[in-house]
Amino acid sequence: MSSTHSDSKSFFDMPKSEVLNNAGVRYLDFKKTLTPSYSRAWIDISVTILFGAVFSVLIASLQSEYPYLFFFTIPVGALLIGYQMATLQLFWHEASHYFLAPSRSWNDILANIFIGSWVGQDIDTYRRIHFDHHRFHGDTNDSEHSYFEPLTAKFIFESLVGIRVLRVLSSRGKHLEESSGRKNESSTMKHVMLAVGVFLNGAIVIGTLVLGYWQFSFTWVLAIGSGFPFFASLRQLLEHRSLEAHNEVNYKQVAHGAVNRMFGDGILASTFGAAGFNRHLLHHWDPSIPYTALPEVEKFLMDSAWASEIGATQTTYFRVFKELYQSP
């Protein structure tokens, strides 16, 4: 498979203790000057939630005004809301690394209330899964492995109709059981958050239905069950699947290898890859850096001997999609 950019592998071989910029400043010394910007993170989260509310009102209004356009407004509305929900859930990842509040307990409380509640997830449960993604990235037992599958029409179809979300939930449940060594292990908060998610989404669906916005009720169900999982799965695949991966290889049995990319600061990259996912290579290189400081880390490294190595991983989501997509 041809490529206009290279996958990132050798970049991760450099010891952080030996990384210097062109002025001779050590990365580890530079890193000490970086701090999380909690206010910036919560502004971004608030704006994302606000956009979701605006999208919802506009879609519901459009459907009420032009009900005969349901064949257009329902799927488009589901994709827009699903996209916004996928963007919001990227801050869930930031919370898993304790970067949303100075206090770890408040970090988890706020994350569960403002982010996890929308999809019925508990941050502590997700954290256990996500940290194994860092630990086993590229290995056969990676806990987040949408990138194991080729980007085909089948992948897109299964993501859109909800088949993939069922597989992901099943896979994560099995991973938690295997990693804990005890079956059916669960926390009280895990069940509480699931109940909150069911209640919140049920209230939206039933509430809008009672108010006469039946098209929006259906739109919301599709957004949560189809649009959101589709964008989440697609993003992970575009960030981690190698351009040299073979469609016929089962990467649950054969190691895929760790691959990360950089996606820039455009509108798409900053929303589809919000909360630092547009600089996912840097996050995997040093997970202890909050997303609000990743631009500074990129600037530091681009003023070092590794500038060309990092620059070679710069791409766009559209470009990677084009390079990875395979016809059935």
Protein backbone atom coordinates (compact mmCIF):
# COMPACT_ATOMS: atom_id res chain seq x y z
CA MET A 1 0.00 0.00 0.00
CA SER A 2 1.48 3.32 -1.05
CA SER A 3 1.79 6.19 1.38
CA THR A 4 2.32 9.94 1.32
CA HIS A 5 3.61 9.86 4.86
CA SER A 6 5.29 7.36 7.16
CA ASP A 7 3.94 5.57 10.21
CA SER A 8 5.54 6.49 13.55
CA LYS A 9 7.68 3.70 14.97
CA SER A 10 11.30 4.80 15.41
CA PHE A 11 10.19 8.01 17.16
CA PHE A 12 9.25 5.96 20.21
CA ASP A 13 12.74 4.50 20.50
CA MET A 14 14.29 7.75 21.72
CA PRO A 15 14.84 7.95 25.51
CA LYS A 16 13.20 11.09 26.88
CA SER A 17 16.23 11.70 29.11
CA GLU A 18 18.36 12.24 26.00
CA VAL A 19 16.00 14.49 24.04
CA LEU A 20 17.31 18.04 23.59
CA ASN A 21 16.07 20.91 21.48
CA ASN A 22 18.42 22.87 19.25
CA ALA A 23 19.17 25.28 22.12
CA GLY A 24 20.39 22.41 24.27
CA VAL A 25 17.39 22.38 26.64
CA ARG A 26 16.56 18.92 27.91
CA TYR A 27 13.00 17.71 27.34
CA LEU A 28 12.70 16.56 30.96
CA ASP A 29 13.59 20.08 32.14
CA PHE A 30 11.18 21.63 29.65
CA LYS A 31 8.45 19.24 30.77
CA LYS A 32 8.65 20.63 34.33
CA THR A 33 7.35 23.97 33.02
CA LEU A 34 4.16 22.40 31.64
CA THR A 35 0.94 22.39 33.67
CA PRO A 36 -2.65 21.38 32.85
CA SER A 37 -5.00 24.21 31.91
CA TYR A 38 -8.18 23.09 33.64
CA SER A 39 -10.04 26.24 32.61
CA ARG A 40 -9.20 25.68 28.94
CA ALA A 41 -10.34 22.06 29.16
CA TRP A 42 -13.68 23.01 30.69
CA ILE A 43 -14.21 25.82 28.20
CA ASP A 44 -13.71 23.28 25.41
CA ILE A 45 -16.09 20.83 27.09
CA SER A 46 -18.71 23.54 27.63
CA VAL A 47 -18.49 24.70 24.02
CA THR A 48 -18.87 21.13 22.79
CA ILE A 49 -21.97 20.59 24.93
CA LEU A 50 -23.36 23.96 23.81
CA PHE A 51 -22.91 23.06 20.15
CA GLY A 52 -24.71 19.79 20.82
CA ALA A 53 -27.63 21.69 22.33
CA VAL A 54 -27.72 24.12 19.39
CA PHE A 55 -27.60 21.25 16.87
CA SER A 56 -30.44 19.50 18.69
CA VAL A 57 -32.68 22.58 18.76
CA LEU A 58 -32.04 23.37 15.09
CA ILE A 59 -32.64 19.79 14.01
CA ALA A 60 -35.84 19.48 16.05
CA SER A 61 -37.09 22.82 14.69
CA LEU A 62 -36.28 21.84 11.11
CA GLN A 63 -38.05 18.52 11.50
CA SER A 64 -41.10 20.21 12.99
CA GLU A 65 -41.22 22.81 10.20
CA TYR A 66 -40.55 20.38 7.36
CA PRO A 67 -41.72 16.93 8.55
CA TYR A 68 -41.83 15.57 5.00
CA LEU A 69 -38.01 15.86 4.81
CA PHE A 70 -37.59 13.17 7.48
CA PHE A 71 -35.64 10.94 5.07
CA PHE A 72 -32.96 13.68 5.06
CA THR A 73 -33.20 15.39 8.46
CA ILE A 74 -33.20 12.18 10.55
CA PRO A 75 -29.98 10.61 9.19
CA VAL A 76 -28.16 13.94 8.85
CA GLY A 77 -29.29 14.97 12.33
CA ALA A 78 -28.13 11.65 13.76
CA LEU A 79 -24.70 12.08 12.19
CA LEU A 80 -24.36 15.66 13.45
CA ILE A 81 -25.36 14.81 17.01
CA GLY A 82 -23.32 11.61 16.88
CA TYR A 83 -20.28 13.60 15.74
CA GLN A 84 -20.74 16.07 18.60
CA MET A 85 -21.11 13.24 21.09
CA ALA A 86 -17.95 11.58 19.76
CA THR A 87 -16.12 14.90 20.20
CA LEU A 88 -17.37 15.27 23.77
CA GLN A 89 -16.33 11.73 24.68
CA LEU A 90 -12.72 12.50 23.70
CA PHE A 91 -12.50 14.59 26.88
CA TRP A 92 -13.41 11.36 28.70
CA HIS A 93 -9.96 10.20 27.67
CA GLU A 94 -8.44 13.31 29.21
CA ALA A 95 -10.28 12.56 32.44
CA SER A 96 -8.86 9.03 32.46
CA HIS A 97 -5.41 10.62 32.78
CA TYR A 98 -6.61 12.91 35.62
CA PHE A 99 -6.30 16.17 33.66
CA LEU A 100 -9.73 17.74 34.28
CA ALA A 101 -9.25 18.88 37.88
CA PRO A 102 -6.41 19.28 40.43
CA SER A 103 -8.07 16.71 42.69
CA ARG A 104 -8.29 13.15 41.34
CA SER A 105 -11.58 12.55 43.13
CA TRP A 106 -13.11 15.74 41.68
CA ASN A 107 -11.69 14.85 38.28
CA ASP A 108 -13.68 11.61 38.33
CA ILE A 109 -16.84 13.14 39.79
CA LEU A 110 -16.97 15.94 37.21
CA ALA A 111 -16.11 13.56 34.36
CA ASN A 112 -18.93 11.20 35.31
CA ILE A 113 -21.46 14.02 35.64
CA PHE A 114 -20.70 16.03 32.49
CA ILE A 115 -19.29 13.41 30.12
CA GLY A 116 -19.90 9.84 31.20
CA SER A 117 -23.58 10.40 32.00
CA TRP A 118 -24.41 10.83 28.30
CA VAL A 119 -23.34 7.29 27.46
CA GLY A 120 -23.70 5.58 30.84
CA GLN A 121 -19.99 5.07 31.51
CA ASP A 122 -17.95 5.22 34.71
CA ILE A 123 -14.52 6.84 34.41
CA ASP A 124 -12.76 4.37 36.71
CA THR A 125 -13.95 1.43 34.61
CA TYR A 126 -12.87 3.14 31.41
CA ARG A 127 -9.50 4.05 32.91
CA ARG A 128 -8.66 0.39 33.56
CA ILE A 129 -9.42 -0.42 29.93
CA HIS A 130 -7.62 2.60 28.51
CA PHE A 131 -4.41 2.16 30.48
CA ASP A 132 -4.12 -1.34 29.04
CA HIS A 133 -4.35 0.29 25.60
CA HIS A 134 -1.19 2.22 26.45
CA ARG A 135 0.44 -0.81 27.99
CA PHE A 136 -0.31 -3.19 25.11
CA HIS A 137 -0.61 -0.76 22.19
CA GLY A 138 -0.03 -2.66 18.97
CA ASP A 139 -0.04 -6.06 20.66
CA THR A 140 -2.63 -8.78 20.19
CA ASN A 141 -4.18 -8.04 23.60
CA ASP A 142 -4.63 -4.27 23.09
CA SER A 143 -7.84 -3.33 24.91
CA GLU A 144 -8.84 -0.74 22.26
CA HIS A 145 -8.43 -2.42 18.92
CA SER A 146 -10.80 -1.07 16.27
CA TYR A 147 -7.67 -0.61 14.15
CA PHE A 148 -7.22 -4.39 13.98
CA GLU A 149 -9.93 -4.43 11.30
CA PRO A 150 -9.50 -3.11 7.75
CA LEU A 151 -11.32 0.02 6.64
CA THR A 152 -13.92 -1.38 4.26
CA ALA A 153 -17.58 -0.86 3.44
CA LYS A 154 -18.31 -3.70 5.88
CA PHE A 155 -16.53 -1.84 8.72
CA ILE A 156 -18.50 1.33 7.97
CA PHE A 157 -21.81 -0.54 7.70
CA GLU A 158 -21.31 -2.46 10.95
CA SER A 159 -20.33 0.76 12.72
CA LEU A 160 -23.41 2.59 11.47
CA VAL A 161 -25.95 -0.10 12.33
CA GLY A 162 -24.63 -0.67 15.85
CA ILE A 163 -23.02 -4.08 15.36
CA ARG A 164 -19.58 -2.75 16.24
CA VAL A 165 -20.69 -1.04 19.44
CA LEU A 166 -22.08 -4.37 20.69
CA ARG A 167 -18.76 -6.03 19.87
CA VAL A 168 -16.81 -3.28 21.63
CA LEU A 169 -18.93 -3.53 24.78
CA SER A 170 -18.60 -7.31 24.80
CA SER A 171 -14.85 -7.13 24.22
CA ARG A 172 -14.34 -4.59 27.00
CA GLY A 173 -16.39 -6.67 29.42
CA LYS A 174 -14.29 -9.74 28.67
CA HIS A 175 -11.09 -7.72 28.98
CA LEU A 176 -12.07 -6.47 32.43
CA GLU A 177 -12.90 -10.02 33.53
CA GLU A 178 -9.62 -11.41 32.23
CA SER A 179 -7.46 -8.60 33.58
CA SER A 180 -9.06 -8.80 37.03
CA GLY A 181 -8.92 -12.57 37.21
CA ARG A 182 -12.49 -12.64 38.55
CA LYS A 183 -15.64 -12.92 36.48
CA ASN A 184 -18.50 -10.46 36.86
CA GLU A 185 -16.32 -7.99 38.75
CA SER A 186 -18.03 -4.62 38.79
CA SER A 187 -18.19 -1.49 40.87
CA THR A 188 -21.25 0.19 42.29
CA MET A 189 -20.45 3.34 40.32
CA LYS A 190 -20.34 1.36 37.07
CA HIS A 191 -23.98 0.34 37.59
CA VAL A 192 -24.96 3.78 38.84
CA MET A 193 -23.56 5.43 35.71
CA LEU A 194 -25.27 2.89 33.48
CA ALA A 195 -28.58 3.71 35.18
CA VAL A 196 -27.91 7.44 34.81
CA GLY A 197 -27.19 7.00 31.11
CA VAL A 198 -30.36 5.01 30.54
CA PHE A 199 -32.41 7.57 32.47
CA LEU A 200 -30.90 10.61 30.71
CA ASN A 201 -31.25 9.23 27.20
CA GLY A 202 -34.66 7.79 27.99
CA ALA A 203 -35.81 11.17 29.27
CA ILE A 204 -34.66 12.85 26.05
CA VAL A 205 -36.31 10.27 23.81
CA ILE A 206 -39.58 10.03 25.73
CA GLY A 207 -39.69 13.75 26.52
CA THR A 208 -39.35 14.85 22.90
CA LEU A 209 -41.81 12.16 21.86
CA VAL A 210 -44.42 13.42 24.34
CA LEU A 211 -43.84 16.99 23.15
CA GLY A 212 -44.60 15.91 19.58
CA TYR A 213 -41.05 15.81 18.21
CA TRP A 214 -41.18 12.13 17.23
CA GLN A 215 -38.64 12.60 14.44
CA PHE A 216 -36.11 14.00 16.88
CA SER A 217 -36.72 11.08 19.25
CA PHE A 218 -35.76 8.70 16.48
CA THR A 219 -32.84 10.95 15.51
CA TRP A 220 -31.45 10.83 19.06
CA VAL A 221 -31.65 7.03 19.21
CA LEU A 222 -29.73 6.80 15.93
CA ALA A 223 -27.18 9.39 17.09
CA ILE A 224 -26.30 7.48 20.27
CA GLY A 225 -26.59 3.99 18.85
CA SER A 226 -25.17 4.59 15.38
CA GLY A 227 -23.57 8.00 14.73
CA PHE A 228 -21.45 8.18 17.88
CA PRO A 229 -20.05 4.60 17.66
CA PHE A 230 -19.32 5.09 13.96
CA PHE A 231 -17.20 8.20 14.44
CA ALA A 232 -15.47 6.78 17.52
CA SER A 233 -14.47 3.54 15.77
CA LEU A 234 -13.43 5.30 12.57
CA ARG A 235 -11.26 7.81 14.42
CA GLN A 236 -9.36 5.14 16.30
CA LEU A 237 -8.74 3.17 13.13
CA LEU A 238 -7.43 6.23 11.28
CA GLU A 239 -5.09 7.08 14.15
CA HIS A 240 -3.60 3.64 14.71
CA ARG A 241 -3.90 1.34 11.69
CA SER A 242 -0.68 0.89 9.74
CA LEU A 243 -0.65 1.68 6.03
CA GLU A 244 1.17 -1.61 5.60
CA ALA A 245 -1.46 -3.66 7.46
CA HIS A 246 -2.89 -6.59 5.55
CA ASN A 247 -6.64 -7.08 5.40
CA GLU A 248 -6.40 -10.86 5.58
CA VAL A 249 -4.27 -10.88 8.76
CA ASN A 250 -6.01 -11.42 12.10
CA TYR A 251 -4.27 -8.93 14.38
CA LYS A 252 -5.85 -10.54 17.41
CA GLN A 253 -3.39 -13.36 16.73
CA VAL A 254 -0.53 -11.51 14.99
CA ALA A 255 0.90 -8.30 16.50
CA HIS A 256 -0.07 -5.26 14.45
CA GLY A 257 2.59 -2.97 15.93
CA ALA A 258 2.19 0.45 17.51
CA VAL A 259 1.37 3.24 15.04
CA ASN A 260 0.45 6.86 15.76
CA ARG A 261 -0.03 9.98 13.68
CA MET A 262 -0.25 13.79 13.83
CA PHE A 263 -3.25 15.54 12.23
CA GLY A 264 -2.75 19.29 12.53
CA ASP A 265 -5.06 22.04 13.78
CA GLY A 266 -7.79 22.37 11.15
CA ILE A 267 -11.48 22.45 12.03
CA LEU A 268 -11.93 18.75 11.31
CA ALA A 269 -8.74 17.73 13.13
CA SER A 270 -9.66 19.88 16.14
CA THR A 271 -13.15 18.38 16.49
CA PHE A 272 -12.84 14.84 15.13
CA GLY A 273 -9.53 14.69 17.01
CA ALA A 274 -10.39 16.98 19.93
CA ALA A 275 -8.73 16.86 23.37
CA GLY A 276 -5.31 16.25 21.86
CA PHE A 277 -6.19 13.33 19.61
CA ASN A 278 -5.01 15.42 16.67
CA ARG A 279 -1.55 15.03 18.27
CA HIS A 280 -2.04 11.44 19.31
CA LEU A 281 1.56 10.51 18.54
CA LEU A 282 2.77 12.88 21.25
CA HIS A 283 0.22 11.59 23.74
CA HIS A 284 1.36 7.99 23.29
CA TRP A 285 4.99 9.08 23.50
CA ASP A 286 4.38 10.86 26.82
CA PRO A 287 0.92 10.17 28.33
CA SER A 288 1.72 12.35 31.35
CA ILE A 289 1.24 15.53 29.28
CA PRO A 290 -2.25 17.15 29.25
CA TYR A 291 -3.72 17.86 25.84
CA THR A 292 -3.64 21.60 26.53
CA ALA A 293 0.19 21.43 26.63
CA LEU A 294 0.70 19.18 23.59
CA PRO A 295 1.13 22.15 21.18
CA GLU A 296 4.07 23.30 23.33
CA VAL A 297 5.58 19.81 23.27
CA GLU A 298 5.21 19.71 19.49
CA LYS A 299 6.93 23.11 19.18
CA PHE A 300 9.79 21.90 21.40
CA LEU A 301 10.30 18.69 19.43
CA MET A 302 10.05 20.43 16.07
CA ASP A 303 13.03 22.50 17.24
CA SER A 304 15.09 19.35 17.77
CA ALA A 305 16.90 16.66 15.81
CA TRP A 306 13.61 14.75 15.63
CA ALA A 307 11.72 17.40 13.66
CA SER A 308 11.85 15.49 10.37
CA GLU A 309 10.80 12.25 12.07
CA ILE A 310 7.74 13.89 13.60
CA GLY A 311 7.00 15.86 10.45
CA ALA A 312 6.87 12.62 8.47
CA THR A 313 3.87 11.53 10.53
CA GLN A 314 1.89 14.70 9.75
CA THR A 315 -1.21 13.91 7.72
CA THR A 316 -4.97 14.50 7.65
CA TYR A 317 -7.89 12.26 8.52
CA PHE A 318 -9.13 12.48 4.92
CA ARG A 319 -5.76 11.44 3.53
CA VAL A 320 -5.42 8.44 5.84
CA PHE A 321 -9.00 7.42 5.06
CA LYS A 322 -8.23 7.48 1.35
CA GLU A 323 -5.05 5.46 1.83
CA LEU A 324 -6.58 2.85 4.14
CA TYR A 325 -9.96 2.34 2.51
CA GLN A 326 -10.29 -0.92 0.64
CA SER A 327 -13.19 -1.80 -1.62
CA PRO A 328 -15.05 -4.98 -0.67
